[in-house]
Amino acid sequence: IYNHFASKEDLVCSLSCRCLNNLIDVFKRAYSYEGTTRERYSAIGIGYSLYHQLRPMDSKSIQRAKNAAMREKVSAEKLAEMESLEQSITDITRDIVQQAIDCGDLDKKYQEHINTIVFGCWSMHYGGLMLGQSDIPLQKLGFSPVVKMLWDNTNAYLDGYQWLPLSTETDTDKLIETISSALFDDEIKMLKIA
């Protein structure tokens, strides 16, 4: 292993980069979805959730690489690669929010808050999915199913910004099915087998 990696931290970082590349593919599928900006942004959350459900070890690899102590020991080259991939992911999400503002799906008053909108959804999904993978008995505590709760919270969050079309004007249960079958049919089939 050390013939290919300068340190164990570089190995962990390389694993994280592989996972981030996989996530970028998921995000690009969502980005190219033929729907409204809100549907495309929602598709990112759906894909992100499916990815974490299907590849829990990948999620843990990404989480390990985000540790400050780990990042301090990673080679500059590997760190730059990982940061570039992280930038690609956030650029995809920011671009959809910008498109929503440009076409009027989101009010122009949010132009200076694009990062806030992106960070809010990211932190909600990341935190919710990490809790879902934890040993906390979420089902016994009444927090189940996590993915459905994330979907409902995401819709409430985006409604708070008045991102059109509002969830009250859409059949959100049908929408999640439509997006899932259009973009993530293979992932849905794999989940049913697992």
C-alpha atoms as a PDB file:
ATOM      1  CA  ILE A   1       0.000   0.000   0.000  1.00  0.00           C
ATOM      2  CA  TYR A   2       2.737   2.455   0.909  1.00  0.00           C
ATOM      3  CA  ASN A   3       4.271   2.006  -2.554  1.00  0.00           C
ATOM      4  CA  HIS A   4       1.226   3.891  -3.842  1.00  0.00           C
ATOM      5  CA  PHE A   5       0.520   6.271  -0.955  1.00  0.00           C
ATOM      6  CA  ALA A   6       2.885   8.456   1.047  1.00  0.00           C
ATOM      7  CA  SER A   7       0.942   7.842   4.262  1.00  0.00           C
ATOM      8  CA  LYS A   8      -2.211   6.287   5.682  1.00  0.00           C
ATOM      9  CA  GLU A   9      -3.752   9.766   5.560  1.00  0.00           C
ATOM     10  CA  ASP A  10      -3.119   9.917   1.799  1.00  0.00           C
ATOM     11  CA  LEU A  11      -4.783   6.510   1.469  1.00  0.00           C
ATOM     12  CA  VAL A  12      -7.851   7.721   3.388  1.00  0.00           C
ATOM     13  CA  CYS A  13      -7.880  10.889   1.288  1.00  0.00           C
ATOM     14  CA  SER A  14      -7.678   8.839  -1.928  1.00  0.00           C
ATOM     15  CA  LEU A  15     -10.633   6.732  -0.806  1.00  0.00           C
ATOM     16  CA  SER A  16     -12.545   9.907  -0.044  1.00  0.00           C
ATOM     17  CA  CYS A  17     -11.690  11.305  -3.489  1.00  0.00           C
ATOM     18  CA  ARG A  18     -13.050   8.150  -5.129  1.00  0.00           C
ATOM     19  CA  CYS A  19     -16.266   8.558  -3.129  1.00  0.00           C
ATOM     20  CA  LEU A  20     -16.491  12.258  -3.981  1.00  0.00           C
ATOM     21  CA  ASN A  21     -16.111  11.430  -7.689  1.00  0.00           C
ATOM     22  CA  ASN A  22     -19.015   8.999  -7.347  1.00  0.00           C
ATOM     23  CA  LEU A  23     -21.084  11.701  -5.652  1.00  0.00           C
ATOM     24  CA  ILE A  24     -20.227  14.168  -8.413  1.00  0.00           C
ATOM     25  CA  ASP A  25     -21.673  11.690 -10.914  1.00  0.00           C
ATOM     26  CA  VAL A  26     -24.877  11.533  -8.832  1.00  0.00           C
ATOM     27  CA  PHE A  27     -25.049  15.338  -8.593  1.00  0.00           C
ATOM     28  CA  LYS A  28     -24.469  15.724 -12.349  1.00  0.00           C
ATOM     29  CA  ARG A  29     -27.369  13.382 -13.076  1.00  0.00           C
ATOM     30  CA  ALA A  30     -29.574  15.533 -10.851  1.00  0.00           C
ATOM     31  CA  TYR A  31     -28.251  18.714 -12.472  1.00  0.00           C
ATOM     32  CA  SER A  32     -29.187  17.475 -15.944  1.00  0.00           C
ATOM     33  CA  TYR A  33     -32.719  16.403 -14.933  1.00  0.00           C
ATOM     34  CA  GLU A  34     -35.400  17.879 -17.209  1.00  0.00           C
ATOM     35  CA  GLY A  35     -37.404  19.652 -14.546  1.00  0.00           C
ATOM     36  CA  THR A  36     -37.772  22.901 -12.656  1.00  0.00           C
ATOM     37  CA  THR A  37     -34.823  24.252 -10.709  1.00  0.00           C
ATOM     38  CA  ARG A  38     -36.451  23.108  -7.491  1.00  0.00           C
ATOM     39  CA  GLU A  39     -36.981  19.599  -8.859  1.00  0.00           C
ATOM     40  CA  ARG A  40     -33.338  19.465  -9.948  1.00  0.00           C
ATOM     41  CA  TYR A  41     -32.155  20.708  -6.557  1.00  0.00           C
ATOM     42  CA  SER A  42     -34.419  18.185  -4.849  1.00  0.00           C
ATOM     43  CA  ALA A  43     -32.978  15.474  -7.100  1.00  0.00           C
ATOM     44  CA  ILE A  44     -29.561  16.206  -5.597  1.00  0.00           C
ATOM     45  CA  GLY A  45     -30.943  15.471  -2.130  1.00  0.00           C
ATOM     46  CA  ILE A  46     -32.610  12.283  -3.348  1.00  0.00           C
ATOM     47  CA  GLY A  47     -29.418  11.087  -5.031  1.00  0.00           C
ATOM     48  CA  TYR A  48     -27.295  12.025  -2.024  1.00  0.00           C
ATOM     49  CA  SER A  49     -29.624  10.076   0.271  1.00  0.00           C
ATOM     50  CA  LEU A  50     -29.619   7.018  -1.989  1.00  0.00           C
ATOM     51  CA  TYR A  51     -25.836   7.102  -2.261  1.00  0.00           C
ATOM     52  CA  HIS A  52     -25.464   7.130   1.519  1.00  0.00           C
ATOM     53  CA  GLN A  53     -27.956   4.301   1.943  1.00  0.00           C
ATOM     54  CA  LEU A  54     -26.232   2.127  -0.659  1.00  0.00           C
ATOM     55  CA  ARG A  55     -22.655   2.969   0.285  1.00  0.00           C
ATOM     56  CA  PRO A  56     -22.468   3.604   4.033  1.00  0.00           C
ATOM     57  CA  MET A  57     -18.730   2.842   4.094  1.00  0.00           C
ATOM     58  CA  ASP A  58     -18.138   5.525   1.459  1.00  0.00           C
ATOM     59  CA  SER A  59     -19.926   7.994   3.702  1.00  0.00           C
ATOM     60  CA  LYS A  60     -17.622   7.052   6.548  1.00  0.00           C
ATOM     61  CA  SER A  61     -14.552   7.450   4.303  1.00  0.00           C
ATOM     62  CA  ILE A  62     -15.641  10.950   3.372  1.00  0.00           C
ATOM     63  CA  GLN A  63     -16.322  11.756   7.023  1.00  0.00           C
ATOM     64  CA  ARG A  64     -12.869  10.506   8.104  1.00  0.00           C
ATOM     65  CA  ALA A  65     -11.170  12.664   5.488  1.00  0.00           C
ATOM     66  CA  LYS A  66     -12.963  15.760   6.792  1.00  0.00           C
ATOM     67  CA  ASN A  67     -11.310  15.390  10.185  1.00  0.00           C
ATOM     68  CA  ALA A  68      -8.945  18.318  10.855  1.00  0.00           C
ATOM     69  CA  ALA A  69      -6.210  16.060  12.255  1.00  0.00           C
ATOM     70  CA  MET A  70      -6.392  13.951   9.101  1.00  0.00           C
ATOM     71  CA  ARG A  71      -6.239  16.948   6.782  1.00  0.00           C
ATOM     72  CA  GLU A  72      -3.138  18.254   8.558  1.00  0.00           C
ATOM     73  CA  LYS A  73      -1.218  15.078   7.667  1.00  0.00           C
ATOM     74  CA  VAL A  74      -2.404  14.654   4.067  1.00  0.00           C
ATOM     75  CA  SER A  75       0.059  15.585   1.331  1.00  0.00           C
ATOM     76  CA  ALA A  76      -0.552  18.938  -0.344  1.00  0.00           C
ATOM     77  CA  GLU A  77      -1.261  17.193  -3.645  1.00  0.00           C
ATOM     78  CA  LYS A  78      -3.943  14.881  -2.214  1.00  0.00           C
ATOM     79  CA  LEU A  79      -5.509  17.686  -0.191  1.00  0.00           C
ATOM     80  CA  ALA A  80      -5.710  19.869  -3.309  1.00  0.00           C
ATOM     81  CA  GLU A  81      -7.371  17.009  -5.212  1.00  0.00           C
ATOM     82  CA  MET A  82      -9.954  16.491  -2.479  1.00  0.00           C
ATOM     83  CA  GLU A  83     -10.664  20.213  -2.128  1.00  0.00           C
ATOM     84  CA  SER A  84     -11.116  20.500  -5.898  1.00  0.00           C
ATOM     85  CA  LEU A  85     -13.694  17.698  -5.832  1.00  0.00           C
ATOM     86  CA  GLU A  86     -15.487  19.312  -2.880  1.00  0.00           C
ATOM     87  CA  GLN A  87     -15.547  22.564  -4.858  1.00  0.00           C
ATOM     88  CA  SER A  88     -17.063  20.766  -7.858  1.00  0.00           C
ATOM     89  CA  ILE A  89     -19.890  19.420  -5.717  1.00  0.00           C
ATOM     90  CA  THR A  90     -20.720  22.793  -4.202  1.00  0.00           C
ATOM     91  CA  ASP A  91     -20.456  24.500  -7.608  1.00  0.00           C
ATOM     92  CA  ILE A  92     -23.141  22.181  -9.007  1.00  0.00           C
ATOM     93  CA  THR A  93     -25.524  23.035  -6.178  1.00  0.00           C
ATOM     94  CA  ARG A  94     -24.751  26.756  -6.267  1.00  0.00           C
ATOM     95  CA  ASP A  95     -25.353  26.841 -10.004  1.00  0.00           C
ATOM     96  CA  ILE A  96     -28.872  25.430  -9.644  1.00  0.00           C
ATOM     97  CA  VAL A  97     -29.681  28.025  -6.963  1.00  0.00           C
ATOM     98  CA  GLN A  98     -28.334  30.768  -9.259  1.00  0.00           C
ATOM     99  CA  GLN A  99     -30.455  29.450 -12.124  1.00  0.00           C
ATOM    100  CA  ALA A 100     -33.498  29.521  -9.820  1.00  0.00           C
ATOM    101  CA  ILE A 101     -32.848  33.198  -9.093  1.00  0.00           C
ATOM    102  CA  ASP A 102     -32.211  33.979 -12.764  1.00  0.00           C
ATOM    103  CA  CYS A 103     -35.491  32.392 -13.947  1.00  0.00           C
ATOM    104  CA  GLY A 104     -37.609  33.745 -11.073  1.00  0.00           C
ATOM    105  CA  ASP A 105     -38.173  30.473  -9.192  1.00  0.00           C
ATOM    106  CA  LEU A 106     -36.342  32.143  -6.284  1.00  0.00           C
ATOM    107  CA  ASP A 107     -36.613  35.831  -5.436  1.00  0.00           C
ATOM    108  CA  LYS A 108     -33.636  37.966  -6.456  1.00  0.00           C
ATOM    109  CA  LYS A 109     -33.341  39.127  -2.836  1.00  0.00           C
ATOM    110  CA  TYR A 110     -31.593  35.785  -2.176  1.00  0.00           C
ATOM    111  CA  GLN A 111     -28.725  36.553  -4.571  1.00  0.00           C
ATOM    112  CA  GLU A 112     -26.416  37.265  -1.639  1.00  0.00           C
ATOM    113  CA  HIS A 113     -27.624  34.147   0.220  1.00  0.00           C
ATOM    114  CA  ILE A 114     -26.837  31.381  -2.271  1.00  0.00           C
ATOM    115  CA  ASN A 115     -24.176  29.907   0.015  1.00  0.00           C
ATOM    116  CA  THR A 116     -26.594  30.007   2.960  1.00  0.00           C
ATOM    117  CA  ILE A 117     -29.231  28.100   0.989  1.00  0.00           C
ATOM    118  CA  VAL A 118     -26.702  25.500  -0.194  1.00  0.00           C
ATOM    119  CA  PHE A 119     -25.163  25.107   3.262  1.00  0.00           C
ATOM    120  CA  GLY A 120     -28.572  24.697   4.886  1.00  0.00           C
ATOM    121  CA  CYS A 121     -29.557  21.790   2.648  1.00  0.00           C
ATOM    122  CA  TRP A 122     -26.096  20.237   2.795  1.00  0.00           C
ATOM    123  CA  SER A 123     -25.916  20.342   6.580  1.00  0.00           C
ATOM    124  CA  MET A 124     -29.468  19.020   6.936  1.00  0.00           C
ATOM    125  CA  HIS A 125     -28.764  16.046   4.671  1.00  0.00           C
ATOM    126  CA  TYR A 126     -25.269  15.357   5.960  1.00  0.00           C
ATOM    127  CA  GLY A 127     -26.376  15.512   9.580  1.00  0.00           C
ATOM    128  CA  GLY A 128     -29.548  13.519   9.023  1.00  0.00           C
ATOM    129  CA  LEU A 129     -27.796  10.788   7.073  1.00  0.00           C
ATOM    130  CA  MET A 130     -24.951  10.544   9.590  1.00  0.00           C
ATOM    131  CA  LEU A 131     -27.507  10.215  12.388  1.00  0.00           C
ATOM    132  CA  GLY A 132     -29.258   7.561  10.317  1.00  0.00           C
ATOM    133  CA  GLN A 133     -26.005   5.566  10.180  1.00  0.00           C
ATOM    134  CA  SER A 134     -25.302   5.984  13.875  1.00  0.00           C
ATOM    135  CA  ASP A 135     -26.084   3.593  16.706  1.00  0.00           C
ATOM    136  CA  ILE A 136     -28.747   5.955  18.042  1.00  0.00           C
ATOM    137  CA  PRO A 137     -32.075   4.043  18.099  1.00  0.00           C
ATOM    138  CA  LEU A 138     -33.835   6.590  15.884  1.00  0.00           C
ATOM    139  CA  GLN A 139     -36.773   4.315  15.130  1.00  0.00           C
ATOM    140  CA  LYS A 140     -37.442   3.724  18.834  1.00  0.00           C
ATOM    141  CA  LEU A 141     -37.237   7.478  19.379  1.00  0.00           C
ATOM    142  CA  GLY A 142     -39.853   8.046  16.682  1.00  0.00           C
ATOM    143  CA  PHE A 143     -37.495   9.383  14.008  1.00  0.00           C
ATOM    144  CA  SER A 144     -38.241   7.059  11.143  1.00  0.00           C
ATOM    145  CA  PRO A 145     -37.957   6.743   8.252  1.00  0.00           C
ATOM    146  CA  VAL A 146     -35.019   9.147   8.154  1.00  0.00           C
ATOM    147  CA  VAL A 147     -35.040   9.627   4.369  1.00  0.00           C
ATOM    148  CA  LYS A 148     -38.755  10.517   4.327  1.00  0.00           C
ATOM    149  CA  MET A 149     -38.209  12.951   7.199  1.00  0.00           C
ATOM    150  CA  LEU A 150     -35.317  14.542   5.274  1.00  0.00           C
ATOM    151  CA  TRP A 151     -37.536  14.875   2.200  1.00  0.00           C
ATOM    152  CA  ASP A 152     -40.276  16.582   4.221  1.00  0.00           C
ATOM    153  CA  ASN A 153     -37.784  18.878   5.981  1.00  0.00           C
ATOM    154  CA  THR A 154     -36.111  19.786   2.692  1.00  0.00           C
ATOM    155  CA  ASN A 155     -39.471  20.767   1.229  1.00  0.00           C
ATOM    156  CA  ALA A 156     -40.290  22.876   4.297  1.00  0.00           C
ATOM    157  CA  TYR A 157     -36.836  24.495   4.087  1.00  0.00           C
ATOM    158  CA  LEU A 158     -37.174  25.349   0.386  1.00  0.00           C
ATOM    159  CA  ASP A 159     -40.752  26.567   0.946  1.00  0.00           C
ATOM    160  CA  GLY A 160     -39.323  28.929   3.566  1.00  0.00           C
ATOM    161  CA  TYR A 161     -37.360  30.592   0.770  1.00  0.00           C
ATOM    162  CA  GLN A 162     -40.504  30.569  -1.391  1.00  0.00           C
ATOM    163  CA  TRP A 163     -38.630  28.498  -3.995  1.00  0.00           C
ATOM    164  CA  LEU A 164     -41.203  27.764  -6.691  1.00  0.00           C
ATOM    165  CA  PRO A 165     -43.078  25.587  -7.162  1.00  0.00           C
ATOM    166  CA  LEU A 166     -43.969  25.329  -3.473  1.00  0.00           C
ATOM    167  CA  SER A 167     -44.483  21.862  -2.029  1.00  0.00           C
ATOM    168  CA  THR A 168     -48.108  22.809  -1.313  1.00  0.00           C
ATOM    169  CA  GLU A 169     -48.602  23.114  -5.094  1.00  0.00           C
ATOM    170  CA  THR A 170     -46.922  19.793  -5.887  1.00  0.00           C
ATOM    171  CA  ASP A 171     -47.571  16.145  -5.154  1.00  0.00           C
ATOM    172  CA  THR A 172     -44.232  15.649  -3.390  1.00  0.00           C
ATOM    173  CA  ASP A 173     -44.742  11.903  -2.926  1.00  0.00           C
ATOM    174  CA  LYS A 174     -45.247  11.502  -6.669  1.00  0.00           C
ATOM    175  CA  LEU A 175     -42.314  13.836  -7.370  1.00  0.00           C
ATOM    176  CA  ILE A 176     -39.864  11.747  -5.344  1.00  0.00           C
ATOM    177  CA  GLU A 177     -41.034   8.647  -7.242  1.00  0.00           C
ATOM    178  CA  THR A 178     -40.745  10.398 -10.613  1.00  0.00           C
ATOM    179  CA  ILE A 179     -37.244  11.717  -9.930  1.00  0.00           C
ATOM    180  CA  SER A 180     -36.102   8.430  -8.422  1.00  0.00           C
ATOM    181  CA  SER A 181     -37.272   6.344 -11.377  1.00  0.00           C
ATOM    182  CA  ALA A 182     -35.977   8.847 -13.958  1.00  0.00           C
ATOM    183  CA  LEU A 183     -32.505   9.318 -12.468  1.00  0.00           C
ATOM    184  CA  PHE A 184     -31.833   6.638  -9.896  1.00  0.00           C
ATOM    185  CA  ASP A 185     -33.700   3.537 -11.052  1.00  0.00           C
ATOM    186  CA  ASP A 186     -30.623   1.302 -10.678  1.00  0.00           C
ATOM    187  CA  GLU A 187     -30.016   2.580  -7.147  1.00  0.00           C
ATOM    188  CA  ILE A 188     -33.658   1.992  -6.193  1.00  0.00           C
ATOM    189  CA  LYS A 189     -33.435  -1.579  -7.514  1.00  0.00           C
ATOM    190  CA  MET A 190     -30.229  -2.177  -5.524  1.00  0.00           C
ATOM    191  CA  LEU A 191     -31.904  -0.870  -2.349  1.00  0.00           C
ATOM    192  CA  LYS A 192     -34.810  -3.263  -2.826  1.00  0.00           C
ATOM    193  CA  ILE A 193     -32.371  -6.183  -3.114  1.00  0.00           C
ATOM    194  CA  ALA A 194     -30.300  -5.145  -0.082  1.00  0.00           C
END
